[in-house]
Amino acid sequence: MGIRLSRGDVVLFLDDDAVADARWIERYESLFGRVDRCGGISGVVVPARVVDGKPAPSARRDAWRPGREIFYRRPIAGLEDYCAAFSVAGQLLSRCDPEGRIVQSLGFVGANMGFRREAVLGSRLAELYSGSRRCAHNESFLALRAVISGYRACLCRDPAHCPAVLHISGHPSLTRMSGPYQELWSQYDCAKNFHRLRKMGVRTSTPASRLSRMDDRLAQEEPSGQATGLHIRSVRARSASCGARSTAITSAASRSPSGPPLYPPSGPPWTSSPAPLDVSSFDTSDL
């Protein structure tokens, strides 16, 4: 509804428990103007807590782990060069580490994102998420809508050049769920993503979806850190009824998307590691 009632060319999204950088709008405006055919951008989200009335960003960064690449987890057509994309099995998979860079990706974060209005009109989110209490991955479906409309969806992960927000934890929020209900509805949404993609006209694969679920169950049964030889043999043996041919798993690191650079050469020097965040540019007087 908010997208439909908006009047500007670009619609920006910010959570009720997030604080935007003073240059937030300026940086979105710059990126939309300089990145070719950019229909959606998701910026830097820094976890933080309020300590003595001041924001304290978390120094912890979750280590990126490549998703396992196998034929039934391949990206849907048109997203082969995307860092995070929906697979033909209906899962959202991370395929490269975006830290410190700007990349094509559907791995959007609702606490900090923006879209060209014309790129996401008619996204039908209310219909796609009917019955859901969590609406997990709705940001990625908006990004996918932008791609279907002929635009790029970009993830920006360098605080020195990208729009950034502090995501405050331990604070009241209108959207955050907790406890077992959050996990329950997250799993519900993950299971429904396959059918949501179908409703959007995306070509998915029912055998791939079944194999992927089987793969996840087998992975949970195996001790962590072990090689996947037995795992793959089990999948190969049990996938015969689906008429599928198993292939060797290759790490996503060796298959990282390698499309053309999104930012013009004259733009800022994207670094391999993110610059430190300057919290002085965030107005937290209302916290």
Protein backbone atom coordinates (compact mmCIF):
# COMPACT_ATOMS: atom_id res chain seq x y z
CA MET A 1 0.00 0.00 0.00
CA GLY A 2 2.80 2.39 0.87
CA ILE A 3 4.42 1.93 -2.55
CA ARG A 4 1.13 2.43 -4.35
CA LEU A 5 0.32 5.65 -2.44
CA SER A 6 3.82 7.11 -2.74
CA ARG A 7 4.44 9.98 -5.16
CA GLY A 8 8.21 10.21 -5.53
CA ASP A 9 10.38 8.42 -8.06
CA VAL A 10 12.23 6.53 -5.30
CA VAL A 11 10.73 4.91 -2.19
CA LEU A 12 13.05 4.41 0.82
CA PHE A 13 12.42 1.92 3.64
CA LEU A 14 13.61 2.24 7.26
CA ASP A 15 12.63 0.13 10.27
CA ASP A 16 11.09 1.68 13.36
CA ASP A 17 14.10 0.47 15.41
CA ALA A 18 16.75 1.78 12.98
CA VAL A 19 18.57 5.14 12.95
CA ALA A 20 19.71 6.52 9.60
CA ASP A 21 22.98 8.27 8.86
CA ALA A 22 22.73 12.03 8.22
CA ARG A 23 23.74 11.38 4.57
CA TRP A 24 21.29 8.53 4.13
CA ILE A 25 19.02 10.13 1.52
CA GLU A 26 21.95 11.83 -0.23
CA ARG A 27 23.78 8.54 -0.70
CA TYR A 28 20.72 6.76 -2.02
CA GLU A 29 20.19 9.59 -4.50
CA SER A 30 23.81 9.35 -5.62
CA LEU A 31 23.74 5.57 -6.10
CA PHE A 32 20.46 5.55 -8.00
CA GLY A 33 21.87 8.21 -10.28
CA ARG A 34 25.21 6.53 -10.95
CA VAL A 35 24.60 2.78 -11.01
CA ASP A 36 23.31 1.77 -14.43
CA ARG A 37 19.73 0.44 -14.52
CA CYS A 38 19.50 0.30 -10.75
CA GLY A 39 15.97 -0.46 -9.57
CA GLY A 40 16.71 -1.32 -5.94
CA ILE A 41 19.49 -0.80 -3.39
CA SER A 42 19.98 -2.19 0.12
CA GLY A 43 22.59 -0.45 2.25
CA VAL A 44 24.71 -1.15 5.31
CA VAL A 45 22.92 -2.32 8.47
CA VAL A 46 25.04 -2.19 11.62
CA PRO A 47 23.73 -3.97 14.76
CA ALA A 48 23.92 -1.69 17.78
CA ARG A 49 22.74 -1.21 21.34
CA VAL A 50 22.07 1.93 23.35
CA VAL A 51 24.58 2.29 26.19
CA ASP A 52 24.23 5.32 28.49
CA GLY A 53 22.08 7.03 25.90
CA LYS A 54 24.63 6.60 23.11
CA PRO A 55 24.76 4.10 20.24
CA ALA A 56 27.30 1.32 20.60
CA PRO A 57 27.77 -0.49 17.25
CA SER A 58 28.60 -4.16 17.45
CA ALA A 59 32.09 -5.05 16.28
CA ARG A 60 31.01 -8.63 15.60
CA ARG A 61 30.53 -9.70 12.02
CA ASP A 62 29.09 -13.09 11.21
CA ALA A 63 31.50 -15.04 9.03
CA TRP A 64 30.17 -15.59 5.54
CA ARG A 65 29.82 -19.23 4.59
CA PRO A 66 29.32 -20.24 0.98
CA GLY A 67 26.17 -22.12 0.16
CA ARG A 68 26.62 -25.53 -1.40
CA GLU A 69 26.30 -25.45 -5.17
CA ILE A 70 24.63 -28.39 -6.84
CA PHE A 71 22.38 -28.62 -9.89
CA TYR A 72 19.11 -28.48 -7.95
CA ARG A 73 20.25 -25.33 -6.12
CA ARG A 74 21.23 -23.39 -9.22
CA PRO A 75 19.95 -19.79 -9.47
CA ILE A 76 16.77 -19.14 -11.38
CA ALA A 77 17.26 -17.96 -14.95
CA GLY A 78 18.65 -14.45 -15.23
CA LEU A 79 20.24 -14.38 -11.76
CA GLU A 80 23.44 -16.32 -12.51
CA ASP A 81 25.58 -13.24 -11.75
CA TYR A 82 23.79 -12.39 -8.51
CA CYS A 83 25.58 -12.66 -5.17
CA ALA A 84 22.37 -13.84 -3.47
CA ALA A 85 19.50 -15.27 -5.49
CA PHE A 86 16.53 -17.58 -5.37
CA SER A 87 17.29 -21.07 -6.60
CA VAL A 88 15.08 -23.23 -8.81
CA ALA A 89 14.19 -25.05 -5.58
CA GLY A 90 12.71 -21.83 -4.16
CA GLN A 91 15.43 -21.11 -1.60
CA LEU A 92 17.27 -17.83 -1.15
CA LEU A 93 20.98 -18.72 -1.32
CA SER A 94 24.08 -16.63 -0.65
CA ARG A 95 26.73 -17.25 -3.30
CA CYS A 96 29.51 -14.73 -2.55
CA ASP A 97 30.74 -12.43 0.22
CA PRO A 98 29.49 -8.87 -0.46
CA GLU A 99 31.38 -7.21 2.40
CA GLY A 100 33.06 -3.95 1.39
CA ARG A 101 31.62 -4.04 -2.13
CA ILE A 102 28.57 -3.24 -4.21
CA VAL A 103 27.18 -6.31 -5.95
CA GLN A 104 24.08 -7.52 -7.70
CA SER A 105 22.03 -9.34 -5.09
CA LEU A 106 18.54 -10.18 -3.87
CA GLY A 107 19.80 -10.36 -0.27
CA PHE A 108 18.07 -7.15 0.78
CA VAL A 109 17.50 -6.03 4.38
CA GLY A 110 14.21 -4.25 5.06
CA ALA A 111 15.75 -2.00 7.71
CA ASN A 112 17.65 -0.13 4.99
CA MET A 113 16.61 -0.27 1.35
CA GLY A 114 15.18 1.77 -1.48
CA PHE A 115 13.49 1.13 -4.84
CA ARG A 116 12.54 3.03 -7.93
CA ARG A 117 8.78 3.23 -7.63
CA GLU A 118 8.13 2.12 -11.19
CA ALA A 119 10.33 -0.96 -10.68
CA VAL A 120 8.21 -2.44 -7.88
CA LEU A 121 4.67 -1.28 -8.66
CA GLY A 122 2.41 -4.29 -8.96
CA SER A 123 4.57 -6.44 -6.69
CA ARG A 124 1.47 -8.04 -5.08
CA LEU A 125 3.19 -8.54 -1.73
CA ALA A 126 -0.11 -8.54 0.18
CA GLU A 127 -1.34 -11.41 -1.99
CA LEU A 128 1.95 -13.32 -1.89
CA TYR A 129 2.16 -13.11 1.90
CA SER A 130 -1.49 -13.69 2.71
CA GLY A 131 -1.64 -15.75 5.92
CA SER A 132 1.94 -15.02 6.98
CA ARG A 133 2.75 -13.34 10.30
CA ARG A 134 6.50 -12.95 9.64
CA CYS A 135 6.70 -12.01 5.95
CA ALA A 136 10.29 -13.31 5.80
CA HIS A 137 12.18 -12.50 2.58
CA ASN A 138 9.56 -9.97 1.44
CA GLU A 139 12.48 -7.60 0.72
CA SER A 140 14.01 -10.16 -1.64
CA PHE A 141 10.72 -10.54 -3.49
CA LEU A 142 10.58 -6.77 -3.97
CA ALA A 143 14.15 -6.90 -5.33
CA LEU A 144 13.15 -9.76 -7.63
CA ARG A 145 10.21 -7.70 -8.86
CA ALA A 146 12.65 -4.93 -9.80
CA VAL A 147 14.75 -7.45 -11.77
CA ILE A 148 11.66 -8.79 -13.56
CA SER A 149 10.82 -5.18 -14.46
CA GLY A 150 14.18 -4.87 -16.24
CA TYR A 151 16.29 -3.29 -13.50
CA ARG A 152 19.24 -4.37 -11.37
CA ALA A 153 18.99 -5.05 -7.64
CA CYS A 154 22.14 -4.00 -5.78
CA LEU A 155 23.56 -4.66 -2.33
CA CYS A 156 25.92 -1.97 -1.00
CA ARG A 157 28.24 -2.99 1.85
CA ASP A 158 30.85 -0.25 2.33
CA PRO A 159 29.97 2.25 5.12
CA ALA A 160 32.33 4.81 3.59
CA HIS A 161 30.15 5.20 0.48
CA CYS A 162 26.84 3.43 1.09
CA PRO A 163 23.69 4.52 2.96
CA ALA A 164 24.02 3.15 6.49
CA VAL A 165 21.73 2.65 9.49
CA LEU A 166 22.18 1.52 13.07
CA HIS A 167 19.76 -1.31 13.86
CA ILE A 168 19.04 -0.94 17.57
CA SER A 169 18.46 -4.18 19.50
CA GLY A 170 17.00 -4.36 22.99
CA HIS A 171 14.54 -1.60 22.05
CA PRO A 172 10.76 -1.85 21.52
CA SER A 173 9.86 -2.58 17.90
CA LEU A 174 6.61 -2.81 15.98
CA THR A 175 7.92 -5.54 13.69
CA ARG A 176 10.33 -7.72 15.65
CA MET A 177 9.10 -11.13 16.80
CA SER A 178 10.77 -13.27 19.43
CA GLY A 179 10.75 -16.79 20.79
CA PRO A 180 9.56 -19.91 18.97
CA TYR A 181 6.97 -17.99 16.93
CA GLN A 182 9.66 -16.17 14.99
CA GLU A 183 11.30 -19.44 13.95
CA LEU A 184 7.92 -21.04 13.21
CA TRP A 185 6.81 -18.28 10.85
CA SER A 186 10.26 -18.03 9.28
CA GLN A 187 10.11 -21.72 8.38
CA TYR A 188 6.57 -21.26 7.08
CA ASP A 189 7.69 -18.46 4.77
CA CYS A 190 10.70 -20.43 3.53
CA ALA A 191 8.41 -23.31 2.61
CA LYS A 192 6.00 -20.97 0.81
CA ASN A 193 8.69 -19.19 -1.23
CA PHE A 194 8.59 -21.87 -3.93
CA HIS A 195 4.90 -21.21 -4.54
CA ARG A 196 5.36 -17.42 -4.35
CA LEU A 197 7.94 -17.60 -7.11
CA ARG A 198 5.50 -19.62 -9.21
CA LYS A 199 2.83 -16.94 -8.71
CA MET A 200 5.32 -14.34 -9.98
CA GLY A 201 5.78 -16.35 -13.16
CA VAL A 202 9.26 -17.59 -12.23
CA ARG A 203 10.23 -21.01 -13.56
CA THR A 204 11.05 -23.30 -10.65
CA SER A 205 11.49 -27.08 -10.36
CA THR A 206 9.39 -29.40 -8.19
CA PRO A 207 12.04 -32.22 -8.27
CA ALA A 208 14.69 -29.64 -7.29
CA SER A 209 12.55 -28.50 -4.37
CA ARG A 210 12.13 -32.08 -3.14
CA LEU A 211 15.84 -32.83 -3.48
CA SER A 212 16.77 -29.64 -1.69
CA ARG A 213 14.53 -30.45 1.27
CA MET A 214 15.97 -33.96 1.37
CA ASP A 215 19.44 -32.45 1.24
CA ASP A 216 18.70 -30.22 4.23
CA ARG A 217 17.35 -33.11 6.28
CA LEU A 218 20.40 -35.27 5.55
CA ALA A 219 22.75 -32.39 6.38
CA GLN A 220 21.10 -32.01 9.79
CA GLU A 221 21.67 -35.69 10.49
CA GLU A 222 25.41 -35.55 9.74
CA PRO A 223 28.11 -34.36 12.17
CA SER A 224 29.24 -30.83 11.34
CA GLY A 225 32.56 -30.32 9.63
CA GLN A 226 32.61 -33.68 7.86
CA ALA A 227 33.05 -34.16 4.12
CA THR A 228 29.86 -34.58 2.15
CA GLY A 229 30.73 -37.78 0.27
CA LEU A 230 28.27 -39.99 2.15
CA HIS A 231 25.77 -37.18 2.03
CA ILE A 232 25.96 -36.92 -1.74
CA ARG A 233 25.80 -40.68 -2.19
CA SER A 234 22.65 -40.71 -0.08
CA VAL A 235 21.11 -37.94 -2.17
CA ARG A 236 22.15 -39.71 -5.38
CA ALA A 237 20.57 -42.96 -4.26
CA ARG A 238 17.37 -41.35 -3.03
CA SER A 239 16.98 -38.99 -5.98
CA ALA A 240 16.61 -41.78 -8.55
CA SER A 241 12.83 -41.79 -8.12
CA CYS A 242 12.76 -38.14 -9.17
CA GLY A 243 14.70 -38.89 -12.34
CA ALA A 244 17.48 -36.51 -11.29
CA ARG A 245 21.17 -36.84 -12.02
CA SER A 246 23.40 -35.81 -9.12
CA THR A 247 26.56 -33.79 -9.70
CA ALA A 248 29.55 -33.00 -7.56
CA ILE A 249 29.23 -30.11 -5.14
CA THR A 250 31.49 -27.17 -5.76
CA SER A 251 31.94 -24.39 -3.23
CA ALA A 252 30.26 -21.11 -4.07
CA ALA A 253 33.62 -19.39 -3.65
CA SER A 254 34.86 -20.98 -6.86
CA ARG A 255 31.65 -20.06 -8.64
CA SER A 256 31.34 -16.48 -7.46
CA PRO A 257 29.26 -14.36 -9.81
CA SER A 258 31.54 -12.41 -12.13
CA GLY A 259 29.42 -9.81 -13.90
CA PRO A 260 30.67 -6.36 -14.95
CA PRO A 261 31.38 -3.81 -12.19
CA LEU A 262 28.23 -1.96 -11.21
CA TYR A 263 29.85 1.31 -10.32
CA PRO A 264 31.54 3.45 -13.03
CA PRO A 265 35.38 3.48 -12.89
CA SER A 266 35.25 7.15 -11.88
CA GLY A 267 33.27 6.28 -8.79
CA PRO A 268 34.62 5.70 -5.26
CA PRO A 269 37.27 3.00 -4.78
CA TRP A 270 35.37 0.02 -3.44
CA THR A 271 37.61 -1.75 -0.98
CA SER A 272 37.98 -5.38 -0.04
CA SER A 273 37.22 -4.60 3.59
CA PRO A 274 34.65 -2.12 4.95
CA ALA A 275 35.71 1.22 6.36
CA PRO A 276 35.00 1.84 10.08
CA LEU A 277 31.62 3.36 10.86
CA ASP A 278 31.54 6.93 12.17
CA VAL A 279 28.63 6.98 14.64
CA SER A 280 28.83 10.78 15.04
CA SER A 281 26.74 11.16 11.88
CA PHE A 282 23.75 9.40 13.44
CA ASP A 283 21.14 11.43 15.35
CA THR A 284 20.20 9.29 18.36
CA SER A 285 18.82 12.08 20.53
CA ASP A 286 15.40 10.42 20.64
CA LEU A 287 16.65 7.06 21.89
